[in-house]
């Protein structure tokens, strides 16, 4: 059975979630907002297997984004930023 991909919103807690996920052998996906993606695409790239960059966090509910997350078998970790931005 394929292990799920751990997913999260790109915010201050994303590093902690991804560090724990990687330490336990999981793949990761971060959804971040354009203009804020450099932290995930450059500095913390080693923590994220997949990076989805959106114009705004609310676009996360769009079908194409949801399809990407489904294809990755994403197990979503709803941090505080998720409830605030989405």
PDB file of N, CA and C in Angstrom:
ATOM      1  N   UNK A   1       0.839  -1.181   0.000  1.00  0.00           N
ATOM      2  CA  UNK A   1       0.000   0.000   0.000  1.00  0.00           C
ATOM      3  C   UNK A   1       0.891   1.253   0.000  1.00  0.00           C
ATOM      4  N   UNK A   2       0.530   2.196  -0.812  1.00  0.00           N
ATOM      5  CA  UNK A   2       1.282   3.441  -0.908  1.00  0.00           C
ATOM      6  C   UNK A   2       1.008   4.320   0.309  1.00  0.00           C
ATOM      7  N   UNK A   3       2.070   4.923   0.849  1.00  0.00           N
ATOM      8  CA  UNK A   3       1.910   5.832   1.983  1.00  0.00           C
ATOM      9  C   UNK A   3       1.347   7.154   1.493  1.00  0.00           C
ATOM     10  N   UNK A   4       0.526   7.790   2.306  1.00  0.00           N
ATOM     11  CA  UNK A   4      -0.013   9.091   1.900  1.00  0.00           C
ATOM     12  C   UNK A   4       1.065  10.165   1.889  1.00  0.00           C
ATOM     13  N   UNK A   5       0.766  11.237   1.206  1.00  0.00           N
ATOM     14  CA  UNK A   5       1.603  12.428   1.205  1.00  0.00           C
ATOM     15  C   UNK A   5       1.036  13.372   2.258  1.00  0.00           C
ATOM     16  N   UNK A   6       1.882  13.902   3.109  1.00  0.00           N
ATOM     17  CA  UNK A   6       1.427  14.825   4.147  1.00  0.00           C
ATOM     18  C   UNK A   6       1.346  16.225   3.543  1.00  0.00           C
ATOM     19  N   UNK A   7       0.167  16.847   3.616  1.00  0.00           N
ATOM     20  CA  UNK A   7      -0.065  18.153   3.019  1.00  0.00           C
ATOM     21  C   UNK A   7      -0.326  19.230   4.051  1.00  0.00           C
ATOM     22  N   UNK A   8       0.070  20.462   3.678  1.00  0.00           N
ATOM     23  CA  UNK A   8      -0.103  21.586   4.596  1.00  0.00           C
ATOM     24  C   UNK A   8      -0.110  22.899   3.837  1.00  0.00           C
ATOM     25  N   UNK A   9      -0.674  23.913   4.467  1.00  0.00           N
ATOM     26  CA  UNK A   9      -0.600  25.286   3.961  1.00  0.00           C
ATOM     27  C   UNK A   9       0.796  25.817   4.281  1.00  0.00           C
ATOM     28  N   UNK A  10       1.350  26.574   3.356  1.00  0.00           N
ATOM     29  CA  UNK A  10       2.653  27.194   3.582  1.00  0.00           C
ATOM     30  C   UNK A  10       2.537  28.342   4.563  1.00  0.00           C
ATOM     31  N   UNK A  11       2.858  28.068   5.805  1.00  0.00           N
ATOM     32  CA  UNK A  11       2.833  29.084   6.860  1.00  0.00           C
ATOM     33  C   UNK A  11       3.927  28.755   7.860  1.00  0.00           C
ATOM     34  N   UNK A  12       3.962  29.479   8.958  1.00  0.00           N
ATOM     35  CA  UNK A  12       5.013  29.278   9.950  1.00  0.00           C
ATOM     36  C   UNK A  12       5.086  27.849  10.474  1.00  0.00           C
ATOM     37  N   UNK A  13       3.993  27.133  10.508  1.00  0.00           N
ATOM     38  CA  UNK A  13       4.016  25.765  11.041  1.00  0.00           C
ATOM     39  C   UNK A  13       4.359  24.722   9.987  1.00  0.00           C
ATOM     40  N   UNK A  14       4.476  25.105   8.732  1.00  0.00           N
ATOM     41  CA  UNK A  14       4.771  24.140   7.671  1.00  0.00           C
ATOM     42  C   UNK A  14       6.128  23.462   7.868  1.00  0.00           C
ATOM     43  N   UNK A  15       7.117  24.209   8.338  1.00  0.00           N
ATOM     44  CA  UNK A  15       8.439  23.620   8.567  1.00  0.00           C
ATOM     45  C   UNK A  15       8.376  22.508   9.618  1.00  0.00           C
ATOM     46  N   UNK A  16       7.644  22.738  10.701  1.00  0.00           N
ATOM     47  CA  UNK A  16       7.543  21.730  11.751  1.00  0.00           C
ATOM     48  C   UNK A  16       6.803  20.493  11.258  1.00  0.00           C
ATOM     49  N   UNK A  17       5.723  20.694  10.535  1.00  0.00           N
ATOM     50  CA  UNK A  17       4.959  19.568  10.008  1.00  0.00           C
ATOM     51  C   UNK A  17       5.817  18.764   9.038  1.00  0.00           C
ATOM     52  N   UNK A  18       6.478  19.456   8.114  1.00  0.00           N
ATOM     53  CA  UNK A  18       7.290  18.767   7.109  1.00  0.00           C
ATOM     54  C   UNK A  18       8.484  18.050   7.731  1.00  0.00           C
ATOM     55  N   UNK A  19       9.121  18.659   8.712  1.00  0.00           N
ATOM     56  CA  UNK A  19      10.247  18.016   9.380  1.00  0.00           C
ATOM     57  C   UNK A  19       9.817  16.700  10.020  1.00  0.00           C
ATOM     58  N   UNK A  20       8.688  16.718  10.694  1.00  0.00           N
ATOM     59  CA  UNK A  20       8.172  15.502  11.328  1.00  0.00           C
ATOM     60  C   UNK A  20       7.764  14.465  10.289  1.00  0.00           C
ATOM     61  N   UNK A  21       7.119  14.912   9.235  1.00  0.00           N
ATOM     62  CA  UNK A  21       6.694  13.992   8.183  1.00  0.00           C
ATOM     63  C   UNK A  21       7.891  13.309   7.541  1.00  0.00           C
ATOM     64  N   UNK A  22       8.917  14.105   7.179  1.00  0.00           N
ATOM     65  CA  UNK A  22      10.108  13.541   6.537  1.00  0.00           C
ATOM     66  C   UNK A  22      10.836  12.587   7.483  1.00  0.00           C
ATOM     67  N   UNK A  23      10.900  12.924   8.775  1.00  0.00           N
ATOM     68  CA  UNK A  23      11.569  12.060   9.751  1.00  0.00           C
ATOM     69  C   UNK A  23      10.879  10.707   9.872  1.00  0.00           C
ATOM     70  N   UNK A  24       9.603  10.670   9.532  1.00  0.00           N
ATOM     71  CA  UNK A  24       8.835   9.435   9.603  1.00  0.00           C
ATOM     72  C   UNK A  24       8.612   8.796   8.242  1.00  0.00           C
ATOM     73  N   UNK A  25       9.352   9.247   7.238  1.00  0.00           N
ATOM     74  CA  UNK A  25       9.337   8.598   5.935  1.00  0.00           C
ATOM     75  C   UNK A  25       8.215   8.975   4.994  1.00  0.00           C
ATOM     76  N   UNK A  26       7.525  10.067   5.259  1.00  0.00           N
ATOM     77  CA  UNK A  26       6.428  10.495   4.398  1.00  0.00           C
ATOM     78  C   UNK A  26       6.901  11.483   3.332  1.00  0.00           C
ATOM     79  N   UNK A  27       6.228  11.480   2.208  1.00  0.00           N
ATOM     80  CA  UNK A  27       6.398  12.530   1.204  1.00  0.00           C
ATOM     81  C   UNK A  27       5.568  13.720   1.680  1.00  0.00           C
ATOM     82  N   UNK A  28       5.893  14.916   1.164  1.00  0.00           N
ATOM     83  CA  UNK A  28       5.187  16.119   1.606  1.00  0.00           C
ATOM     84  C   UNK A  28       4.759  16.971   0.422  1.00  0.00           C
ATOM     85  N   UNK A  29       3.687  17.718   0.643  1.00  0.00           N
ATOM     86  CA  UNK A  29       3.223  18.715  -0.320  1.00  0.00           C
ATOM     87  C   UNK A  29       2.825  19.961   0.464  1.00  0.00           C
ATOM     88  N   UNK A  30       3.300  21.102  -0.013  1.00  0.00           N
ATOM     89  CA  UNK A  30       2.950  22.370   0.611  1.00  0.00           C
ATOM     90  C   UNK A  30       2.191  23.210  -0.413  1.00  0.00           C
ATOM     91  N   UNK A  31       1.129  23.848   0.033  1.00  0.00           N
ATOM     92  CA  UNK A  31       0.363  24.764  -0.805  1.00  0.00           C
ATOM     93  C   UNK A  31       0.661  26.165  -0.300  1.00  0.00           C
ATOM     94  N   UNK A  32       1.259  26.982  -1.176  1.00  0.00           N
ATOM     95  CA  UNK A  32       1.636  28.322  -0.746  1.00  0.00           C
ATOM     96  C   UNK A  32       1.113  29.386  -1.709  1.00  0.00           C
ATOM     97  N   UNK A  33       1.168  30.581  -1.250  1.00  0.00           N
ATOM     98  CA  UNK A  33       0.653  31.719  -2.009  1.00  0.00           C
ATOM     99  C   UNK A  33       1.791  32.413  -2.758  1.00  0.00           C
ATOM    100  N   UNK A  34       1.503  32.767  -4.018  1.00  0.00           N
ATOM    101  CA  UNK A  34       2.484  33.468  -4.843  1.00  0.00           C
ATOM    102  C   UNK A  34       3.010  34.694  -4.087  1.00  0.00           C
ATOM    103  N   UNK A  35       4.309  34.876  -4.141  1.00  0.00           N
ATOM    104  CA  UNK A  35       4.943  35.951  -3.407  1.00  0.00           C
ATOM    105  C   UNK A  35       5.531  35.489  -2.081  1.00  0.00           C
ATOM    106  N   UNK A  36       5.080  34.319  -1.628  1.00  0.00           N
ATOM    107  CA  UNK A  36       5.577  33.748  -0.375  1.00  0.00           C
ATOM    108  C   UNK A  36       6.275  32.406  -0.609  1.00  0.00           C
ATOM    109  N   UNK A  37       6.409  32.014  -1.855  1.00  0.00           N
ATOM    110  CA  UNK A  37       6.868  30.660  -2.155  1.00  0.00           C
ATOM    111  C   UNK A  37       8.371  30.444  -2.021  1.00  0.00           C
ATOM    112  N   UNK A  38       9.150  31.509  -2.004  1.00  0.00           N
ATOM    113  CA  UNK A  38      10.617  31.374  -1.981  1.00  0.00           C
ATOM    114  C   UNK A  38      11.117  30.557  -0.776  1.00  0.00           C
ATOM    115  N   UNK A  39      10.493  30.717   0.360  1.00  0.00           N
ATOM    116  CA  UNK A  39      10.871  29.946   1.539  1.00  0.00           C
ATOM    117  C   UNK A  39      10.799  28.447   1.244  1.00  0.00           C
ATOM    118  N   UNK A  40       9.772  28.030   0.518  1.00  0.00           N
ATOM    119  CA  UNK A  40       9.531  26.612   0.260  1.00  0.00           C
ATOM    120  C   UNK A  40      10.285  26.110  -0.974  1.00  0.00           C
ATOM    121  N   UNK A  41      10.423  26.952  -1.986  1.00  0.00           N
ATOM    122  CA  UNK A  41      11.067  26.528  -3.233  1.00  0.00           C
ATOM    123  C   UNK A  41      12.588  26.646  -3.201  1.00  0.00           C
ATOM    124  N   UNK A  42      13.123  27.456  -2.289  1.00  0.00           N
ATOM    125  CA  UNK A  42      14.575  27.668  -2.225  1.00  0.00           C
ATOM    126  C   UNK A  42      15.139  27.215  -0.877  1.00  0.00           C
ATOM    127  N   UNK A  43      14.773  27.897   0.181  1.00  0.00           N
ATOM    128  CA  UNK A  43      15.405  27.678   1.483  1.00  0.00           C
ATOM    129  C   UNK A  43      15.037  26.357   2.152  1.00  0.00           C
ATOM    130  N   UNK A  44      13.785  25.957   2.059  1.00  0.00           N
ATOM    131  CA  UNK A  44      13.341  24.703   2.689  1.00  0.00           C
ATOM    132  C   UNK A  44      12.970  23.642   1.662  1.00  0.00           C
ATOM    133  N   UNK A  45      13.533  23.737   0.480  1.00  0.00           N
ATOM    134  CA  UNK A  45      13.180  22.805  -0.603  1.00  0.00           C
ATOM    135  C   UNK A  45      13.366  21.349  -0.188  1.00  0.00           C
ATOM    136  N   UNK A  46      14.351  21.079   0.650  1.00  0.00           N
ATOM    137  CA  UNK A  46      14.633  19.711   1.097  1.00  0.00           C
ATOM    138  C   UNK A  46      13.483  19.097   1.908  1.00  0.00           C
ATOM    139  N   UNK A  47      12.579  19.926   2.392  1.00  0.00           N
ATOM    140  CA  UNK A  47      11.466  19.432   3.196  1.00  0.00           C
ATOM    141  C   UNK A  47      10.222  19.104   2.380  1.00  0.00           C
ATOM    142  N   UNK A  48      10.171  19.578   1.136  1.00  0.00           N
ATOM    143  CA  UNK A  48       8.930  19.460   0.364  1.00  0.00           C
ATOM    144  C   UNK A  48       9.159  18.741  -0.962  1.00  0.00           C
ATOM    145  N   UNK A  49       8.438  17.647  -1.134  1.00  0.00           N
ATOM    146  CA  UNK A  49       8.521  16.890  -2.380  1.00  0.00           C
ATOM    147  C   UNK A  49       7.712  17.545  -3.483  1.00  0.00           C
ATOM    148  N   UNK A  50       6.623  18.175  -3.104  1.00  0.00           N
ATOM    149  CA  UNK A  50       5.724  18.836  -4.063  1.00  0.00           C
ATOM    150  C   UNK A  50       5.364  20.211  -3.519  1.00  0.00           C
ATOM    151  N   UNK A  51       5.349  21.195  -4.409  1.00  0.00           N
ATOM    152  CA  UNK A  51       4.999  22.559  -4.036  1.00  0.00           C
ATOM    153  C   UNK A  51       3.940  23.050  -5.008  1.00  0.00           C
ATOM    154  N   UNK A  52       2.809  23.469  -4.479  1.00  0.00           N
ATOM    155  CA  UNK A  52       1.726  24.026  -5.294  1.00  0.00           C
ATOM    156  C   UNK A  52       1.645  25.506  -4.960  1.00  0.00           C
ATOM    157  N   UNK A  53       1.851  26.347  -5.969  1.00  0.00           N
ATOM    158  CA  UNK A  53       1.827  27.796  -5.770  1.00  0.00           C
ATOM    159  C   UNK A  53       0.523  28.345  -6.335  1.00  0.00           C
ATOM    160  N   UNK A  54      -0.228  29.049  -5.506  1.00  0.00           N
ATOM    161  CA  UNK A  54      -1.520  29.618  -5.899  1.00  0.00           C
ATOM    162  C   UNK A  54      -1.465  31.143  -5.831  1.00  0.00           C
ATOM    163  N   UNK A  55      -2.333  31.794  -6.594  1.00  0.00           N
ATOM    164  CA  UNK A  55      -2.416  33.251  -6.527  1.00  0.00           C
ATOM    165  C   UNK A  55      -2.924  33.707  -5.164  1.00  0.00           C
ATOM    166  N   UNK A  56      -3.824  32.925  -4.596  1.00  0.00           N
ATOM    167  CA  UNK A  56      -4.323  33.204  -3.248  1.00  0.00           C
ATOM    168  C   UNK A  56      -4.733  31.881  -2.618  1.00  0.00           C
ATOM    169  N   UNK A  57      -4.617  31.796  -1.309  1.00  0.00           N
ATOM    170  CA  UNK A  57      -4.891  30.545  -0.605  1.00  0.00           C
ATOM    171  C   UNK A  57      -6.300  30.020  -0.870  1.00  0.00           C
ATOM    172  N   UNK A  58      -7.256  30.911  -1.039  1.00  0.00           N
ATOM    173  CA  UNK A  58      -8.631  30.491  -1.290  1.00  0.00           C
ATOM    174  C   UNK A  58      -8.795  29.659  -2.556  1.00  0.00           C
ATOM    175  N   UNK A  59      -7.824  29.750  -3.484  1.00  0.00           N
ATOM    176  CA  UNK A  59      -7.880  28.959  -4.713  1.00  0.00           C
ATOM    177  C   UNK A  59      -7.672  27.472  -4.441  1.00  0.00           C
ATOM    178  N   UNK A  60      -7.321  27.139  -3.233  1.00  0.00           N
ATOM    179  CA  UNK A  60      -7.092  25.750  -2.892  1.00  0.00           C
ATOM    180  C   UNK A  60      -8.321  24.875  -3.086  1.00  0.00           C
ATOM    181  N   UNK A  61      -9.494  25.459  -3.005  1.00  0.00           N
ATOM    182  CA  UNK A  61     -10.712  24.664  -3.169  1.00  0.00           C
ATOM    183  C   UNK A  61     -11.053  24.402  -4.629  1.00  0.00           C
ATOM    184  N   UNK A  62     -10.306  24.985  -5.566  1.00  0.00           N
ATOM    185  CA  UNK A  62     -10.554  24.756  -6.993  1.00  0.00           C
ATOM    186  C   UNK A  62     -10.332  23.282  -7.335  1.00  0.00           C
ATOM    187  N   UNK A  63     -11.108  22.810  -8.283  1.00  0.00           N
ATOM    188  CA  UNK A  63     -11.058  21.394  -8.657  1.00  0.00           C
ATOM    189  C   UNK A  63      -9.669  20.933  -9.074  1.00  0.00           C
ATOM    190  N   UNK A  64      -8.935  21.737  -9.841  1.00  0.00           N
ATOM    191  CA  UNK A  64      -7.621  21.290 -10.307  1.00  0.00           C
ATOM    192  C   UNK A  64      -6.643  21.108  -9.144  1.00  0.00           C
ATOM    193  N   UNK A  65      -6.708  21.963  -8.156  1.00  0.00           N
ATOM    194  CA  UNK A  65      -5.844  21.821  -6.983  1.00  0.00           C
ATOM    195  C   UNK A  65      -6.260  20.599  -6.181  1.00  0.00           C
ATOM    196  N   UNK A  66      -7.549  20.422  -5.991  1.00  0.00           N
ATOM    197  CA  UNK A  66      -8.039  19.258  -5.257  1.00  0.00           C
ATOM    198  C   UNK A  66      -7.666  17.963  -5.972  1.00  0.00           C
ATOM    199  N   UNK A  67      -7.713  17.966  -7.294  1.00  0.00           N
ATOM    200  CA  UNK A  67      -7.313  16.789  -8.061  1.00  0.00           C
ATOM    201  C   UNK A  67      -5.832  16.477  -7.861  1.00  0.00           C
ATOM    202  N   UNK A  68      -4.983  17.511  -7.845  1.00  0.00           N
ATOM    203  CA  UNK A  68      -3.551  17.300  -7.593  1.00  0.00           C
ATOM    204  C   UNK A  68      -3.332  16.669  -6.229  1.00  0.00           C
ATOM    205  N   UNK A  69      -4.021  17.185  -5.231  1.00  0.00           N
ATOM    206  CA  UNK A  69      -3.874  16.661  -3.870  1.00  0.00           C
ATOM    207  C   UNK A  69      -4.383  15.225  -3.786  1.00  0.00           C
ATOM    208  N   UNK A  70      -5.458  14.942  -4.491  1.00  0.00           N
ATOM    209  CA  UNK A  70      -6.003  13.585  -4.494  1.00  0.00           C
ATOM    210  C   UNK A  70      -5.036  12.615  -5.166  1.00  0.00           C
ATOM    211  N   UNK A  71      -4.436  13.021  -6.272  1.00  0.00           N
ATOM    212  CA  UNK A  71      -3.468  12.168  -6.974  1.00  0.00           C
ATOM    213  C   UNK A  71      -2.259  11.840  -6.101  1.00  0.00           C
ATOM    214  N   UNK A  72      -1.924  12.744  -5.192  1.00  0.00           N
ATOM    215  CA  UNK A  72      -0.799  12.522  -4.279  1.00  0.00           C
ATOM    216  C   UNK A  72      -1.204  11.732  -3.034  1.00  0.00           C
ATOM    217  N   UNK A  73      -2.480  11.336  -2.947  1.00  0.00           N
ATOM    218  CA  UNK A  73      -3.006  10.666  -1.747  1.00  0.00           C
ATOM    219  C   UNK A  73      -2.695  11.496  -0.503  1.00  0.00           C
ATOM    220  N   UNK A  74      -3.076  12.762  -0.556  1.00  0.00           N
ATOM    221  CA  UNK A  74      -2.714  13.702   0.496  1.00  0.00           C
ATOM    222  C   UNK A  74      -3.532  13.510   1.765  1.00  0.00           C
ATOM    223  N   UNK A  75      -2.815  13.412   2.842  1.00  0.00           N
ATOM    224  CA  UNK A  75      -3.405  13.448   4.176  1.00  0.00           C
ATOM    225  C   UNK A  75      -3.148  14.855   4.680  1.00  0.00           C
ATOM    226  N   UNK A  76      -4.201  15.656   4.771  1.00  0.00           N
ATOM    227  CA  UNK A  76      -4.076  17.084   5.053  1.00  0.00           C
ATOM    228  C   UNK A  76      -3.967  17.357   6.541  1.00  0.00           C
ATOM    229  N   UNK A  77      -2.984  18.178   6.918  1.00  0.00           N
ATOM    230  CA  UNK A  77      -2.824  18.611   8.301  1.00  0.00           C
ATOM    231  C   UNK A  77      -3.355  20.051   8.377  1.00  0.00           C
ATOM    232  N   UNK A  78      -4.543  20.245   8.930  1.00  0.00           N
ATOM    233  CA  UNK A  78      -5.159  21.575   8.947  1.00  0.00           C
ATOM    234  C   UNK A  78      -4.620  22.454  10.079  1.00  0.00           C
ATOM    235  N   UNK A  79      -3.577  23.202   9.766  1.00  0.00           N
ATOM    236  CA  UNK A  79      -3.018  24.117  10.760  1.00  0.00           C
ATOM    237  C   UNK A  79      -3.887  25.371  10.863  1.00  0.00           C
ATOM    238  N   UNK A  80      -3.548  26.265  11.742  1.00  0.00           N
ATOM    239  CA  UNK A  80      -4.346  27.488  11.948  1.00  0.00           C
ATOM    240  C   UNK A  80      -4.470  28.315  10.677  1.00  0.00           C
ATOM    241  N   UNK A  81      -3.419  28.400   9.895  1.00  0.00           N
ATOM    242  CA  UNK A  81      -3.476  29.172   8.652  1.00  0.00           C
ATOM    243  C   UNK A  81      -4.515  28.638   7.678  1.00  0.00           C
ATOM    244  N   UNK A  82      -4.724  27.336   7.698  1.00  0.00           N
ATOM    245  CA  UNK A  82      -5.754  26.752   6.846  1.00  0.00           C
ATOM    246  C   UNK A  82      -7.126  27.311   7.212  1.00  0.00           C
ATOM    247  N   UNK A  83      -7.433  27.336   8.488  1.00  0.00           N
ATOM    248  CA  UNK A  83      -8.758  27.826   8.901  1.00  0.00           C
ATOM    249  C   UNK A  83      -8.897  29.341   8.679  1.00  0.00           C
ATOM    250  N   UNK A  84      -7.811  30.081   8.714  1.00  0.00           N
ATOM    251  CA  UNK A  84      -7.862  31.523   8.519  1.00  0.00           C
ATOM    252  C   UNK A  84      -7.958  31.886   7.028  1.00  0.00           C
ATOM    253  N   UNK A  85      -7.120  31.257   6.194  1.00  0.00           N
ATOM    254  CA  UNK A  85      -7.017  31.658   4.792  1.00  0.00           C
ATOM    255  C   UNK A  85      -7.968  30.936   3.846  1.00  0.00           C
ATOM    256  N   UNK A  86      -8.350  29.719   4.181  1.00  0.00           N
ATOM    257  CA  UNK A  86      -9.193  28.951   3.260  1.00  0.00           C
ATOM    258  C   UNK A  86     -10.605  28.893   3.796  1.00  0.00           C
TER     259      UNK A  86
END
